[in-house]
Amino acid sequence: MIQTILYFHGFASSSESSKAQIIKKYISSNYKDIKIYTPNLSNDFKEAVEQIENLVKQNKNIAFMGCSLGGYYALYFSQLHRSKAILINPAIPPLEGFEIYLGENENFSTREKFSITKKDIKYIRSISHDSFNNKKRTLVLLESGDEVLDYIKTISYFRGSHIDILFGGNHSYSSFENKLVKIKEFLQIH
């Protein structure tokens, strides 16, 4: 039984993202026995992984959720802990094209400036598994209009998982509120 949900925002975003707020409000309002955390993950990948590891140590029966890079983190940790995962327009290994973020970046939510080096990209690529083996416990929510990630590659990577595709949309996954019941049913929370 799920006791905790960890939701991870995407690259250069924050817990103030619309999806983080929507899922937090939905779970908090309807499922009092389930804790939900939407942490502000560090822009530094190693620090973000440490934050997630600390949350995992402090909680039980965790389901992982995330969007884009947050989906990448959720994928990694759900496989590691053999837990359920809900991945929204997720980034997939090996993070093809991530080099466009080399150099200075700005967090869209906090306006914090941060830099990404080749060493950072090598690290973030290292936190993935050689193969995807958590198919039955993974729900992938995709919108074909994602202008950042190729949904066809994502379908191929997650073949055998529960995959939900909405034709149209965008990288922000504009139909998220319409998927709350599907998320609840997949997690089997009541």
N, C-alpha and C. Protein backbone atom coordinates (compact mmCIF):
# COMPACT_ATOMS: atom_id res chain seq x y z
N MET A 1 0.82 -1.18 0.00
CA MET A 1 0.00 0.00 0.00
C MET A 1 0.87 1.25 0.00
N ILE A 2 0.56 2.19 -0.86
CA ILE A 2 1.33 3.44 -0.98
C ILE A 2 1.07 4.31 0.25
N GLN A 3 2.15 4.74 0.90
CA GLN A 3 2.04 5.66 2.03
C GLN A 3 2.61 7.03 1.69
N THR A 4 3.51 7.06 0.69
CA THR A 4 4.20 8.31 0.37
C THR A 4 4.32 8.45 -1.15
N ILE A 5 4.11 9.64 -1.63
CA ILE A 5 4.35 9.96 -3.04
C ILE A 5 5.40 11.05 -3.09
N LEU A 6 6.43 10.81 -3.87
CA LEU A 6 7.45 11.83 -4.11
C LEU A 6 7.30 12.30 -5.55
N TYR A 7 7.04 13.59 -5.73
CA TYR A 7 6.88 14.18 -7.07
C TYR A 7 8.07 15.09 -7.34
N PHE A 8 8.76 14.86 -8.47
CA PHE A 8 9.94 15.64 -8.84
C PHE A 8 9.66 16.51 -10.06
N HIS A 9 9.90 17.80 -9.91
CA HIS A 9 9.71 18.75 -11.00
C HIS A 9 10.81 18.57 -12.05
N GLY A 10 10.63 19.22 -13.17
CA GLY A 10 11.57 19.11 -14.27
C GLY A 10 12.79 20.01 -14.13
N PHE A 11 13.63 19.96 -15.15
CA PHE A 11 14.87 20.72 -15.20
C PHE A 11 14.59 22.22 -15.09
N ALA A 12 15.35 22.89 -14.24
CA ALA A 12 15.28 24.35 -14.08
C ALA A 12 13.87 24.82 -13.71
N SER A 13 13.20 24.00 -12.90
CA SER A 13 11.86 24.33 -12.44
C SER A 13 11.85 24.29 -10.91
N SER A 14 10.66 24.18 -10.31
CA SER A 14 10.57 24.15 -8.85
C SER A 14 9.28 23.47 -8.42
N SER A 15 9.11 23.38 -7.13
CA SER A 15 7.88 22.79 -6.58
C SER A 15 6.68 23.70 -6.80
N GLU A 16 6.91 24.88 -7.33
CA GLU A 16 5.81 25.80 -7.65
C GLU A 16 5.23 25.52 -9.04
N SER A 17 5.78 24.53 -9.74
CA SER A 17 5.25 24.21 -11.08
C SER A 17 3.79 23.82 -10.97
N SER A 18 3.05 24.03 -12.03
CA SER A 18 1.61 23.77 -11.98
C SER A 18 1.30 22.31 -11.67
N LYS A 19 2.03 21.36 -12.27
CA LYS A 19 1.76 19.94 -12.02
C LYS A 19 2.05 19.58 -10.57
N ALA A 20 3.13 20.10 -10.02
CA ALA A 20 3.45 19.83 -8.61
C ALA A 20 2.34 20.34 -7.71
N GLN A 21 1.83 21.51 -8.00
CA GLN A 21 0.76 22.09 -7.18
C GLN A 21 -0.54 21.30 -7.35
N ILE A 22 -0.84 20.90 -8.57
CA ILE A 22 -2.08 20.15 -8.83
C ILE A 22 -2.06 18.80 -8.10
N ILE A 23 -0.97 18.05 -8.23
CA ILE A 23 -0.93 16.72 -7.61
C ILE A 23 -0.90 16.84 -6.10
N LYS A 24 -0.19 17.83 -5.58
CA LYS A 24 -0.12 18.02 -4.13
C LYS A 24 -1.51 18.33 -3.57
N LYS A 25 -2.23 19.23 -4.21
CA LYS A 25 -3.57 19.60 -3.75
C LYS A 25 -4.52 18.40 -3.85
N TYR A 26 -4.45 17.67 -4.96
CA TYR A 26 -5.33 16.51 -5.17
C TYR A 26 -5.11 15.44 -4.10
N ILE A 27 -3.86 15.07 -3.86
CA ILE A 27 -3.57 14.02 -2.88
C ILE A 27 -3.89 14.51 -1.47
N SER A 28 -3.45 15.71 -1.12
CA SER A 28 -3.68 16.25 0.23
C SER A 28 -5.16 16.38 0.55
N SER A 29 -5.96 16.76 -0.44
CA SER A 29 -7.39 16.97 -0.23
C SER A 29 -8.18 15.66 -0.16
N ASN A 30 -7.74 14.64 -0.87
CA ASN A 30 -8.54 13.42 -1.00
C ASN A 30 -8.01 12.20 -0.26
N TYR A 31 -6.73 12.20 0.10
CA TYR A 31 -6.13 10.99 0.68
C TYR A 31 -5.29 11.38 1.90
N LYS A 32 -5.95 11.54 3.02
CA LYS A 32 -5.31 12.04 4.26
C LYS A 32 -4.23 11.10 4.79
N ASP A 33 -4.30 9.82 4.44
CA ASP A 33 -3.32 8.86 4.95
C ASP A 33 -2.05 8.79 4.09
N ILE A 34 -2.01 9.55 3.02
CA ILE A 34 -0.85 9.52 2.13
C ILE A 34 -0.10 10.84 2.22
N LYS A 35 1.21 10.72 2.45
CA LYS A 35 2.05 11.91 2.47
C LYS A 35 2.52 12.18 1.05
N ILE A 36 2.53 13.43 0.67
CA ILE A 36 3.07 13.79 -0.65
C ILE A 36 4.10 14.88 -0.47
N TYR A 37 5.23 14.68 -1.11
CA TYR A 37 6.31 15.66 -1.08
C TYR A 37 6.60 16.12 -2.51
N THR A 38 6.72 17.41 -2.67
CA THR A 38 7.10 18.00 -3.97
C THR A 38 8.32 18.88 -3.70
N PRO A 39 9.47 18.28 -3.45
CA PRO A 39 10.64 19.05 -3.03
C PRO A 39 11.17 19.97 -4.13
N ASN A 40 11.76 21.07 -3.69
CA ASN A 40 12.52 21.91 -4.60
C ASN A 40 13.87 21.24 -4.77
N LEU A 41 14.06 20.55 -5.88
CA LEU A 41 15.33 19.86 -6.10
C LEU A 41 16.39 20.86 -6.52
N SER A 42 17.58 20.62 -6.05
CA SER A 42 18.71 21.48 -6.39
C SER A 42 18.96 21.46 -7.89
N ASN A 43 19.46 22.56 -8.42
CA ASN A 43 19.88 22.60 -9.82
C ASN A 43 21.16 21.80 -10.03
N ASP A 44 21.88 21.52 -8.94
CA ASP A 44 23.07 20.67 -8.97
C ASP A 44 22.61 19.22 -8.91
N PHE A 45 22.92 18.42 -9.92
CA PHE A 45 22.40 17.06 -10.02
C PHE A 45 22.78 16.18 -8.84
N LYS A 46 24.04 16.25 -8.38
CA LYS A 46 24.46 15.43 -7.24
C LYS A 46 23.68 15.81 -5.99
N GLU A 47 23.48 17.09 -5.78
CA GLU A 47 22.72 17.54 -4.61
C GLU A 47 21.27 17.08 -4.72
N ALA A 48 20.70 17.14 -5.90
CA ALA A 48 19.32 16.69 -6.10
C ALA A 48 19.18 15.21 -5.76
N VAL A 49 20.13 14.40 -6.21
CA VAL A 49 20.09 12.96 -5.91
C VAL A 49 20.21 12.74 -4.40
N GLU A 50 21.06 13.49 -3.73
CA GLU A 50 21.19 13.37 -2.27
C GLU A 50 19.88 13.76 -1.58
N GLN A 51 19.23 14.81 -2.07
CA GLN A 51 17.94 15.21 -1.50
C GLN A 51 16.93 14.06 -1.62
N ILE A 52 16.88 13.45 -2.80
CA ILE A 52 15.94 12.34 -3.02
C ILE A 52 16.29 11.17 -2.13
N GLU A 53 17.57 10.82 -2.03
CA GLU A 53 17.99 9.71 -1.18
C GLU A 53 17.57 9.94 0.26
N ASN A 54 17.70 11.18 0.75
CA ASN A 54 17.29 11.49 2.12
C ASN A 54 15.78 11.33 2.31
N LEU A 55 15.00 11.77 1.33
CA LEU A 55 13.54 11.58 1.41
C LEU A 55 13.17 10.10 1.41
N VAL A 56 13.86 9.32 0.60
CA VAL A 56 13.59 7.88 0.55
C VAL A 56 13.88 7.24 1.90
N LYS A 57 14.99 7.63 2.54
CA LYS A 57 15.36 7.06 3.84
C LYS A 57 14.32 7.37 4.92
N GLN A 58 13.65 8.51 4.78
CA GLN A 58 12.72 8.98 5.81
C GLN A 58 11.28 8.50 5.60
N ASN A 59 11.01 7.78 4.53
CA ASN A 59 9.64 7.40 4.21
C ASN A 59 9.53 5.94 3.84
N LYS A 60 8.27 5.44 3.84
CA LYS A 60 8.01 4.04 3.53
C LYS A 60 7.00 3.93 2.40
N ASN A 61 7.01 2.79 1.73
CA ASN A 61 6.01 2.48 0.70
C ASN A 61 5.82 3.66 -0.25
N ILE A 62 6.87 3.97 -0.96
CA ILE A 62 6.93 5.17 -1.79
C ILE A 62 6.55 4.87 -3.24
N ALA A 63 5.79 5.79 -3.81
CA ALA A 63 5.58 5.83 -5.26
C ALA A 63 6.30 7.08 -5.75
N PHE A 64 6.92 6.97 -6.92
CA PHE A 64 7.69 8.08 -7.47
C PHE A 64 6.94 8.67 -8.66
N MET A 65 6.95 9.99 -8.75
CA MET A 65 6.36 10.69 -9.89
C MET A 65 7.34 11.77 -10.33
N GLY A 66 7.30 12.09 -11.62
CA GLY A 66 8.12 13.19 -12.07
C GLY A 66 7.85 13.53 -13.52
N CYS A 67 8.20 14.76 -13.85
CA CYS A 67 8.02 15.27 -15.20
C CYS A 67 9.38 15.62 -15.79
N SER A 68 9.61 15.23 -17.03
CA SER A 68 10.83 15.55 -17.75
C SER A 68 12.05 15.04 -16.97
N LEU A 69 12.96 15.90 -16.54
CA LEU A 69 14.11 15.44 -15.77
C LEU A 69 13.66 14.83 -14.45
N GLY A 70 12.58 15.34 -13.89
CA GLY A 70 12.00 14.74 -12.68
C GLY A 70 11.54 13.32 -12.95
N GLY A 71 11.05 13.07 -14.16
CA GLY A 71 10.68 11.72 -14.57
C GLY A 71 11.90 10.80 -14.66
N TYR A 72 13.02 11.37 -15.09
CA TYR A 72 14.28 10.62 -15.15
C TYR A 72 14.69 10.18 -13.75
N TYR A 73 14.61 11.13 -12.78
CA TYR A 73 14.91 10.78 -11.39
C TYR A 73 13.92 9.73 -10.88
N ALA A 74 12.63 9.93 -11.14
CA ALA A 74 11.61 8.98 -10.68
C ALA A 74 11.84 7.59 -11.28
N LEU A 75 12.22 7.54 -12.55
CA LEU A 75 12.54 6.27 -13.21
C LEU A 75 13.67 5.56 -12.47
N TYR A 76 14.75 6.28 -12.22
CA TYR A 76 15.91 5.69 -11.57
C TYR A 76 15.55 5.14 -10.19
N PHE A 77 14.90 5.96 -9.37
CA PHE A 77 14.62 5.54 -7.99
C PHE A 77 13.53 4.48 -7.92
N SER A 78 12.57 4.51 -8.82
CA SER A 78 11.53 3.48 -8.80
C SER A 78 12.11 2.12 -9.17
N GLN A 79 13.05 2.10 -10.10
CA GLN A 79 13.71 0.82 -10.44
C GLN A 79 14.57 0.34 -9.28
N LEU A 80 15.29 1.27 -8.68
CA LEU A 80 16.17 0.94 -7.56
C LEU A 80 15.39 0.33 -6.40
N HIS A 81 14.20 0.85 -6.15
CA HIS A 81 13.39 0.41 -5.00
C HIS A 81 12.20 -0.47 -5.40
N ARG A 82 12.14 -0.82 -6.67
CA ARG A 82 11.06 -1.68 -7.19
C ARG A 82 9.69 -1.15 -6.77
N SER A 83 9.52 0.15 -7.01
CA SER A 83 8.31 0.87 -6.63
C SER A 83 7.53 1.30 -7.85
N LYS A 84 6.30 1.72 -7.63
CA LYS A 84 5.50 2.26 -8.72
C LYS A 84 6.03 3.64 -9.12
N ALA A 85 5.87 3.95 -10.41
CA ALA A 85 6.31 5.24 -10.93
C ALA A 85 5.30 5.76 -11.93
N ILE A 86 5.11 7.06 -11.88
CA ILE A 86 4.31 7.75 -12.89
C ILE A 86 5.21 8.80 -13.50
N LEU A 87 5.47 8.64 -14.79
CA LEU A 87 6.43 9.47 -15.49
C LEU A 87 5.69 10.31 -16.53
N ILE A 88 5.87 11.62 -16.46
CA ILE A 88 5.13 12.55 -17.32
C ILE A 88 6.11 13.17 -18.32
N ASN A 89 5.88 12.90 -19.60
CA ASN A 89 6.82 13.36 -20.64
C ASN A 89 8.26 13.24 -20.12
N PRO A 90 8.67 12.03 -19.71
CA PRO A 90 9.96 11.88 -19.04
C PRO A 90 11.16 11.95 -19.98
N ALA A 91 12.25 12.50 -19.44
CA ALA A 91 13.54 12.40 -20.11
C ALA A 91 14.00 10.95 -19.92
N ILE A 92 14.60 10.38 -20.94
CA ILE A 92 15.03 8.98 -20.86
C ILE A 92 16.53 8.87 -21.10
N PRO A 93 17.15 7.83 -20.54
CA PRO A 93 18.56 7.61 -20.82
C PRO A 93 18.77 7.44 -22.31
N PRO A 94 19.85 7.97 -22.87
CA PRO A 94 20.99 8.59 -22.20
C PRO A 94 20.93 10.12 -22.18
N LEU A 95 19.75 10.70 -22.09
CA LEU A 95 19.59 12.16 -22.11
C LEU A 95 20.22 12.76 -23.36
N GLU A 96 19.80 12.27 -24.50
CA GLU A 96 20.33 12.77 -25.78
C GLU A 96 20.12 14.28 -25.89
N GLY A 97 21.14 14.95 -26.38
CA GLY A 97 21.04 16.38 -26.63
C GLY A 97 21.14 17.25 -25.39
N PHE A 98 21.44 16.66 -24.25
CA PHE A 98 21.50 17.44 -23.01
C PHE A 98 22.63 18.46 -23.01
N GLU A 99 23.55 18.28 -23.95
CA GLU A 99 24.68 19.23 -24.05
C GLU A 99 24.23 20.66 -24.35
N ILE A 100 23.01 20.85 -24.84
CA ILE A 100 22.55 22.22 -25.10
C ILE A 100 22.49 23.05 -23.81
N TYR A 101 22.52 22.37 -22.65
CA TYR A 101 22.47 23.08 -21.38
C TYR A 101 23.85 23.37 -20.79
N LEU A 102 24.91 22.98 -21.51
CA LEU A 102 26.26 23.29 -21.03
C LEU A 102 26.40 24.80 -20.86
N GLY A 103 27.06 25.19 -19.77
CA GLY A 103 27.25 26.61 -19.51
C GLY A 103 26.20 27.14 -18.54
N GLU A 104 25.97 28.45 -18.62
CA GLU A 104 25.06 29.08 -17.66
C GLU A 104 23.60 28.87 -18.03
N ASN A 105 22.79 28.61 -17.02
CA ASN A 105 21.35 28.42 -17.16
C ASN A 105 20.65 29.25 -16.10
N GLU A 106 19.36 29.39 -16.25
CA GLU A 106 18.57 30.10 -15.25
C GLU A 106 17.34 29.27 -14.92
N ASN A 107 17.09 29.09 -13.63
CA ASN A 107 15.90 28.37 -13.19
C ASN A 107 14.68 29.22 -13.54
N PHE A 108 13.72 28.61 -14.25
CA PHE A 108 12.54 29.34 -14.73
C PHE A 108 11.70 29.88 -13.57
N SER A 109 11.67 29.16 -12.46
CA SER A 109 10.83 29.54 -11.33
C SER A 109 11.53 30.48 -10.36
N THR A 110 12.76 30.12 -9.99
CA THR A 110 13.45 30.87 -8.93
C THR A 110 14.36 31.97 -9.45
N ARG A 111 14.62 31.96 -10.75
CA ARG A 111 15.56 32.90 -11.40
C ARG A 111 17.01 32.70 -10.95
N GLU A 112 17.27 31.63 -10.19
CA GLU A 112 18.63 31.31 -9.78
C GLU A 112 19.46 30.94 -11.00
N LYS A 113 20.66 31.49 -11.07
CA LYS A 113 21.59 31.15 -12.16
C LYS A 113 22.45 29.98 -11.71
N PHE A 114 22.71 29.06 -12.64
CA PHE A 114 23.57 27.92 -12.33
C PHE A 114 24.25 27.46 -13.62
N SER A 115 25.38 26.79 -13.45
CA SER A 115 26.14 26.31 -14.60
C SER A 115 26.14 24.80 -14.66
N ILE A 116 26.19 24.30 -15.87
CA ILE A 116 26.29 22.86 -16.10
C ILE A 116 27.57 22.60 -16.89
N THR A 117 28.34 21.63 -16.38
CA THR A 117 29.60 21.26 -17.02
C THR A 117 29.46 19.88 -17.66
N LYS A 118 30.47 19.51 -18.43
CA LYS A 118 30.48 18.15 -19.00
C LYS A 118 30.51 17.10 -17.90
N LYS A 119 31.18 17.41 -16.80
CA LYS A 119 31.24 16.50 -15.66
C LYS A 119 29.83 16.31 -15.07
N ASP A 120 29.05 17.38 -15.00
CA ASP A 120 27.67 17.29 -14.49
C ASP A 120 26.83 16.38 -15.39
N ILE A 121 26.99 16.54 -16.69
CA ILE A 121 26.21 15.72 -17.63
C ILE A 121 26.64 14.26 -17.53
N LYS A 122 27.94 14.03 -17.40
CA LYS A 122 28.42 12.66 -17.23
C LYS A 122 27.81 12.04 -15.97
N TYR A 123 27.74 12.82 -14.89
CA TYR A 123 27.16 12.32 -13.65
C TYR A 123 25.67 11.98 -13.83
N ILE A 124 24.89 12.90 -14.38
CA ILE A 124 23.45 12.67 -14.49
C ILE A 124 23.17 11.47 -15.40
N ARG A 125 24.00 11.29 -16.41
CA ARG A 125 23.83 10.11 -17.27
C ARG A 125 24.21 8.83 -16.54
N SER A 126 25.05 8.93 -15.53
CA SER A 126 25.49 7.72 -14.81
C SER A 126 24.41 7.18 -13.88
N ILE A 127 23.41 8.01 -13.53
CA ILE A 127 22.37 7.49 -12.65
C ILE A 127 21.21 6.97 -13.48
N SER A 128 21.49 5.94 -14.18
CA SER A 128 20.45 5.23 -14.92
C SER A 128 20.83 3.75 -14.91
N HIS A 129 19.87 2.92 -15.16
CA HIS A 129 20.13 1.48 -15.19
C HIS A 129 20.39 1.05 -16.63
N ASP A 130 21.12 -0.04 -16.77
CA ASP A 130 21.47 -0.53 -18.11
C ASP A 130 20.23 -0.89 -18.93
N SER A 131 19.20 -1.36 -18.24
CA SER A 131 17.96 -1.69 -18.95
C SER A 131 16.78 -1.33 -18.06
N PHE A 132 15.64 -1.17 -18.69
CA PHE A 132 14.42 -0.82 -17.97
C PHE A 132 13.70 -2.10 -17.60
N ASN A 133 13.57 -2.36 -16.30
CA ASN A 133 12.99 -3.63 -15.86
C ASN A 133 11.84 -3.46 -14.86
N ASN A 134 11.24 -2.30 -14.83
CA ASN A 134 10.16 -2.03 -13.87
C ASN A 134 8.84 -1.78 -14.61
N LYS A 135 8.65 -2.49 -15.71
CA LYS A 135 7.54 -2.22 -16.64
C LYS A 135 6.17 -2.27 -15.99
N LYS A 136 5.89 -3.31 -15.24
CA LYS A 136 4.54 -3.50 -14.68
C LYS A 136 4.18 -2.43 -13.65
N ARG A 137 5.20 -1.81 -13.07
CA ARG A 137 4.98 -0.81 -12.03
C ARG A 137 5.09 0.62 -12.55
N THR A 138 5.11 0.81 -13.87
CA THR A 138 5.34 2.14 -14.43
C THR A 138 4.21 2.57 -15.35
N LEU A 139 3.72 3.78 -15.10
CA LEU A 139 2.74 4.43 -15.95
C LEU A 139 3.42 5.64 -16.59
N VAL A 140 3.41 5.68 -17.91
CA VAL A 140 4.04 6.78 -18.65
C VAL A 140 2.94 7.60 -19.30
N LEU A 141 2.90 8.89 -18.96
CA LEU A 141 1.93 9.81 -19.53
C LEU A 141 2.64 10.69 -20.55
N LEU A 142 2.19 10.61 -21.80
CA LEU A 142 2.85 11.35 -22.88
C LEU A 142 1.86 12.22 -23.64
N GLU A 143 2.36 13.35 -24.12
CA GLU A 143 1.63 14.15 -25.09
C GLU A 143 2.51 14.21 -26.35
N SER A 144 1.92 13.88 -27.47
CA SER A 144 2.70 13.79 -28.71
C SER A 144 3.24 15.13 -29.17
N GLY A 145 2.64 16.22 -28.70
CA GLY A 145 3.09 17.55 -29.10
C GLY A 145 4.27 18.07 -28.30
N ASP A 146 4.88 17.20 -27.49
CA ASP A 146 6.05 17.59 -26.69
C ASP A 146 7.13 18.14 -27.62
N GLU A 147 7.44 19.42 -27.43
CA GLU A 147 8.40 20.08 -28.31
C GLU A 147 9.85 19.89 -27.86
N VAL A 148 10.06 19.26 -26.70
CA VAL A 148 11.40 19.07 -26.15
C VAL A 148 11.89 17.62 -26.32
N LEU A 149 11.01 16.67 -26.01
CA LEU A 149 11.38 15.26 -26.04
C LEU A 149 10.58 14.50 -27.09
N ASP A 150 11.20 13.52 -27.70
CA ASP A 150 10.57 12.73 -28.77
C ASP A 150 9.72 11.61 -28.16
N TYR A 151 8.41 11.76 -28.25
CA TYR A 151 7.52 10.79 -27.61
C TYR A 151 7.65 9.40 -28.24
N ILE A 152 8.03 9.31 -29.52
CA ILE A 152 8.21 8.00 -30.17
C ILE A 152 9.36 7.23 -29.50
N LYS A 153 10.47 7.91 -29.22
CA LYS A 153 11.59 7.26 -28.52
C LYS A 153 11.18 6.84 -27.12
N THR A 154 10.35 7.65 -26.49
CA THR A 154 9.89 7.33 -25.14
C THR A 154 9.02 6.08 -25.16
N ILE A 155 8.12 5.98 -26.13
CA ILE A 155 7.28 4.78 -26.27
C ILE A 155 8.15 3.55 -26.45
N SER A 156 9.16 3.67 -27.30
CA SER A 156 10.05 2.54 -27.55
C SER A 156 10.79 2.13 -26.29
N TYR A 157 11.31 3.11 -25.55
CA TYR A 157 12.07 2.82 -24.34
C TYR A 157 11.20 2.11 -23.30
N PHE A 158 9.95 2.55 -23.16
CA PHE A 158 9.06 2.02 -22.12
C PHE A 158 8.14 0.91 -22.61
N ARG A 159 8.44 0.33 -23.77
CA ARG A 159 7.61 -0.75 -24.32
C ARG A 159 7.35 -1.80 -23.23
N GLY A 160 6.07 -2.16 -23.09
CA GLY A 160 5.68 -3.14 -22.08
C GLY A 160 5.15 -2.52 -20.80
N SER A 161 5.30 -1.20 -20.67
CA SER A 161 4.77 -0.48 -19.51
C SER A 161 3.35 -0.03 -19.80
N HIS A 162 2.73 0.56 -18.83
CA HIS A 162 1.43 1.19 -19.03
C HIS A 162 1.72 2.55 -19.67
N ILE A 163 1.28 2.74 -20.89
CA ILE A 163 1.56 3.98 -21.61
C ILE A 163 0.25 4.64 -22.02
N ASP A 164 0.14 5.91 -21.71
CA ASP A 164 -1.04 6.70 -22.04
C ASP A 164 -0.57 7.86 -22.92
N ILE A 165 -1.08 7.91 -24.15
CA ILE A 165 -0.66 8.96 -25.09
C ILE A 165 -1.84 9.85 -25.43
N LEU A 166 -1.64 11.14 -25.28
CA LEU A 166 -2.62 12.11 -25.74
C LEU A 166 -2.00 12.77 -26.96
N PHE A 167 -2.70 12.72 -28.08
CA PHE A 167 -2.16 13.33 -29.29
C PHE A 167 -2.40 14.83 -29.24
N GLY A 168 -1.32 15.57 -29.41
CA GLY A 168 -1.35 17.03 -29.24
C GLY A 168 -0.62 17.37 -27.95
N GLY A 169 -1.00 18.48 -27.35
CA GLY A 169 -0.38 18.89 -26.10
C GLY A 169 1.00 19.47 -26.29
N ASN A 170 1.81 19.40 -25.22
CA ASN A 170 3.14 20.01 -25.23
C ASN A 170 4.01 19.40 -24.13
N HIS A 171 5.23 19.92 -23.98
CA HIS A 171 6.15 19.38 -22.98
C HIS A 171 5.64 19.61 -21.56
N SER A 172 4.88 20.66 -21.35
CA SER A 172 4.34 20.94 -20.02
C SER A 172 3.24 19.97 -19.60
N TYR A 173 2.79 19.15 -20.53
CA TYR A 173 1.73 18.17 -20.31
C TYR A 173 0.46 18.89 -19.84
N SER A 174 -0.12 19.60 -20.76
CA SER A 174 -1.26 20.46 -20.48
C SER A 174 -2.52 19.72 -20.03
N SER A 175 -2.61 18.42 -20.24
CA SER A 175 -3.81 17.66 -19.86
C SER A 175 -3.69 16.98 -18.50
N PHE A 176 -2.74 17.41 -17.68
CA PHE A 176 -2.44 16.73 -16.42
C PHE A 176 -3.66 16.57 -15.51
N GLU A 177 -4.43 17.63 -15.33
CA GLU A 177 -5.60 17.54 -14.43
C GLU A 177 -6.58 16.44 -14.86
N ASN A 178 -6.65 16.18 -16.15
CA ASN A 178 -7.55 15.15 -16.66
C ASN A 178 -7.05 13.73 -16.37
N LYS A 179 -5.84 13.59 -15.85
CA LYS A 179 -5.25 12.27 -15.60
C LYS A 179 -5.21 11.90 -14.12
N LEU A 180 -5.77 12.74 -13.25
CA LEU A 180 -5.69 12.49 -11.82
C LEU A 180 -6.39 11.18 -11.42
N VAL A 181 -7.53 10.89 -12.00
CA VAL A 181 -8.23 9.64 -11.68
C VAL A 181 -7.41 8.44 -12.17
N LYS A 182 -6.83 8.55 -13.35
CA LYS A 182 -5.98 7.47 -13.88
C LYS A 182 -4.79 7.24 -12.94
N ILE A 183 -4.19 8.31 -12.45
CA ILE A 183 -3.06 8.22 -11.51
C ILE A 183 -3.52 7.52 -10.23
N LYS A 184 -4.65 7.93 -9.69
CA LYS A 184 -5.20 7.32 -8.47
C LYS A 184 -5.42 5.83 -8.68
N GLU A 185 -6.02 5.47 -9.80
CA GLU A 185 -6.30 4.06 -10.08
C GLU A 185 -5.02 3.26 -10.25
N PHE A 186 -4.03 3.82 -10.93
CA PHE A 186 -2.76 3.11 -11.12
C PHE A 186 -2.06 2.87 -9.79
N LEU A 187 -2.10 3.88 -8.91
CA LEU A 187 -1.46 3.73 -7.60
C LEU A 187 -2.30 2.91 -6.63
N GLN A 188 -3.54 2.65 -7.00
CA GLN A 188 -4.49 1.89 -6.17
C GLN A 188 -4.64 2.53 -4.79
N ILE A 189 -4.87 3.82 -4.81
CA ILE A 189 -5.11 4.53 -3.55
C ILE A 189 -6.60 4.81 -3.42
N HIS A 190 -7.08 4.78 -2.20
CA HIS A 190 -8.52 4.96 -1.96
C HIS A 190 -8.74 5.95 -0.83
